Amino acid sequence: MGDHELEQLRRSIAMLPPGHSSAGPLTKDAATAVVQEAIRARREEARYRKVVVQLRAALNTLSEPAPS
């Protein structure tokens, strides 16, 4: 599920009345919490990927021979 779909799902859940539970034990509040956690996880994953790219670039720089 992409960022756009997560945001659409979050907005759909936000439109539900308080206390709504059409999925059995999953209440509106629980569904909102699950979607928010998924959004946070996506952001963290993107942040980690960026750091890995930066670390690889730094390692590549360090492993290059020194100029003469």
C-alpha atoms as a PDB file:
ATOM      1  CA  MET A   1       0.000   0.000   0.000  1.00  0.00           C
ATOM      2  CA  GLY A   2       1.448   3.319  -1.069  1.00  0.00           C
ATOM      3  CA  ASP A   3       1.497   6.652   0.723  1.00  0.00           C
ATOM      4  CA  HIS A   4      -1.467   7.896  -1.298  1.00  0.00           C
ATOM      5  CA  GLU A   5      -3.591   4.870  -0.391  1.00  0.00           C
ATOM      6  CA  LEU A   6      -2.662   5.188   3.281  1.00  0.00           C
ATOM      7  CA  GLU A   7      -3.704   8.831   3.271  1.00  0.00           C
ATOM      8  CA  GLN A   8      -7.010   7.972   1.574  1.00  0.00           C
ATOM      9  CA  LEU A   9      -7.645   5.282   4.171  1.00  0.00           C
ATOM     10  CA  ARG A  10      -6.789   7.686   6.999  1.00  0.00           C
ATOM     11  CA  ARG A  11      -9.219  10.261   5.620  1.00  0.00           C
ATOM     12  CA  SER A  12     -11.957   7.669   5.193  1.00  0.00           C
ATOM     13  CA  ILE A  13     -11.532   6.524   8.787  1.00  0.00           C
ATOM     14  CA  ALA A  14     -11.537  10.134  10.005  1.00  0.00           C
ATOM     15  CA  MET A  15     -14.979  10.605   8.419  1.00  0.00           C
ATOM     16  CA  LEU A  16     -16.500   7.775  10.496  1.00  0.00           C
ATOM     17  CA  PRO A  17     -18.591   8.763  13.511  1.00  0.00           C
ATOM     18  CA  PRO A  18     -16.938   8.396  16.946  1.00  0.00           C
ATOM     19  CA  GLY A  19     -17.104   4.864  18.303  1.00  0.00           C
ATOM     20  CA  HIS A  20     -17.905   3.395  14.885  1.00  0.00           C
ATOM     21  CA  SER A  21     -17.045  -0.291  14.510  1.00  0.00           C
ATOM     22  CA  SER A  22     -17.996  -1.896  11.214  1.00  0.00           C
ATOM     23  CA  ALA A  23     -15.096  -4.362  11.294  1.00  0.00           C
ATOM     24  CA  GLY A  24     -15.951  -6.210  14.477  1.00  0.00           C
ATOM     25  CA  PRO A  25     -13.590  -5.314  17.331  1.00  0.00           C
ATOM     26  CA  LEU A  26     -11.667  -2.750  15.264  1.00  0.00           C
ATOM     27  CA  THR A  27     -13.037   0.608  16.374  1.00  0.00           C
ATOM     28  CA  LYS A  28     -12.495   3.921  14.628  1.00  0.00           C
ATOM     29  CA  ASP A  29      -9.848   4.836  17.211  1.00  0.00           C
ATOM     30  CA  ALA A  30      -8.014   1.527  16.775  1.00  0.00           C
ATOM     31  CA  ALA A  31      -8.157   1.803  12.982  1.00  0.00           C
ATOM     32  CA  THR A  32      -6.816   5.358  13.172  1.00  0.00           C
ATOM     33  CA  ALA A  33      -3.963   4.194  15.395  1.00  0.00           C
ATOM     34  CA  VAL A  34      -3.070   1.386  12.966  1.00  0.00           C
ATOM     35  CA  VAL A  35      -3.013   3.744   9.982  1.00  0.00           C
ATOM     36  CA  GLN A  36      -0.964   6.341  11.900  1.00  0.00           C
ATOM     37  CA  GLU A  37       1.551   3.647  12.832  1.00  0.00           C
ATOM     38  CA  ALA A  38       1.792   2.565   9.178  1.00  0.00           C
ATOM     39  CA  ILE A  39       2.415   6.179   8.144  1.00  0.00           C
ATOM     40  CA  ARG A  40       5.117   6.559  10.831  1.00  0.00           C
ATOM     41  CA  ALA A  41       6.737   3.299   9.703  1.00  0.00           C
ATOM     42  CA  ARG A  42       6.807   4.544   6.087  1.00  0.00           C
ATOM     43  CA  ARG A  43       8.509   7.765   7.166  1.00  0.00           C
ATOM     44  CA  GLU A  44      11.057   5.889   9.272  1.00  0.00           C
ATOM     45  CA  GLU A  45      11.791   3.505   6.397  1.00  0.00           C
ATOM     46  CA  ALA A  46      12.392   6.444   4.056  1.00  0.00           C
ATOM     47  CA  ARG A  47      14.653   8.065   6.643  1.00  0.00           C
ATOM     48  CA  TYR A  48      16.684   4.874   7.093  1.00  0.00           C
ATOM     49  CA  ARG A  49      17.031   4.429   3.332  1.00  0.00           C
ATOM     50  CA  LYS A  50      18.363   7.992   3.056  1.00  0.00           C
ATOM     51  CA  VAL A  51      20.884   7.373   5.842  1.00  0.00           C
ATOM     52  CA  VAL A  52      22.060   4.143   4.177  1.00  0.00           C
ATOM     53  CA  VAL A  53      22.639   6.016   0.915  1.00  0.00           C
ATOM     54  CA  GLN A  54      24.629   8.674   2.784  1.00  0.00           C
ATOM     55  CA  LEU A  55      26.692   6.053   4.627  1.00  0.00           C
ATOM     56  CA  ARG A  56      27.479   4.231   1.386  1.00  0.00           C
ATOM     57  CA  ALA A  57      28.600   7.495  -0.200  1.00  0.00           C
ATOM     58  CA  ALA A  58      30.840   8.222   2.795  1.00  0.00           C
ATOM     59  CA  LEU A  59      32.323   4.712   2.665  1.00  0.00           C
ATOM     60  CA  ASN A  60      32.947   5.056  -1.067  1.00  0.00           C
ATOM     61  CA  THR A  61      34.743   8.351  -0.458  1.00  0.00           C
ATOM     62  CA  LEU A  62      36.883   6.818   2.266  1.00  0.00           C
ATOM     63  CA  SER A  63      37.810   3.832   0.122  1.00  0.00           C
ATOM     64  CA  GLU A  64      38.936   5.951  -2.845  1.00  0.00           C
ATOM     65  CA  PRO A  65      42.706   6.248  -3.251  1.00  0.00           C
ATOM     66  CA  ALA A  66      44.183   9.509  -1.998  1.00  0.00           C
ATOM     67  CA  PRO A  67      45.118  12.001  -4.744  1.00  0.00           C
ATOM     68  CA  SER A  68      48.849  12.232  -5.483  1.00  0.00           C
END
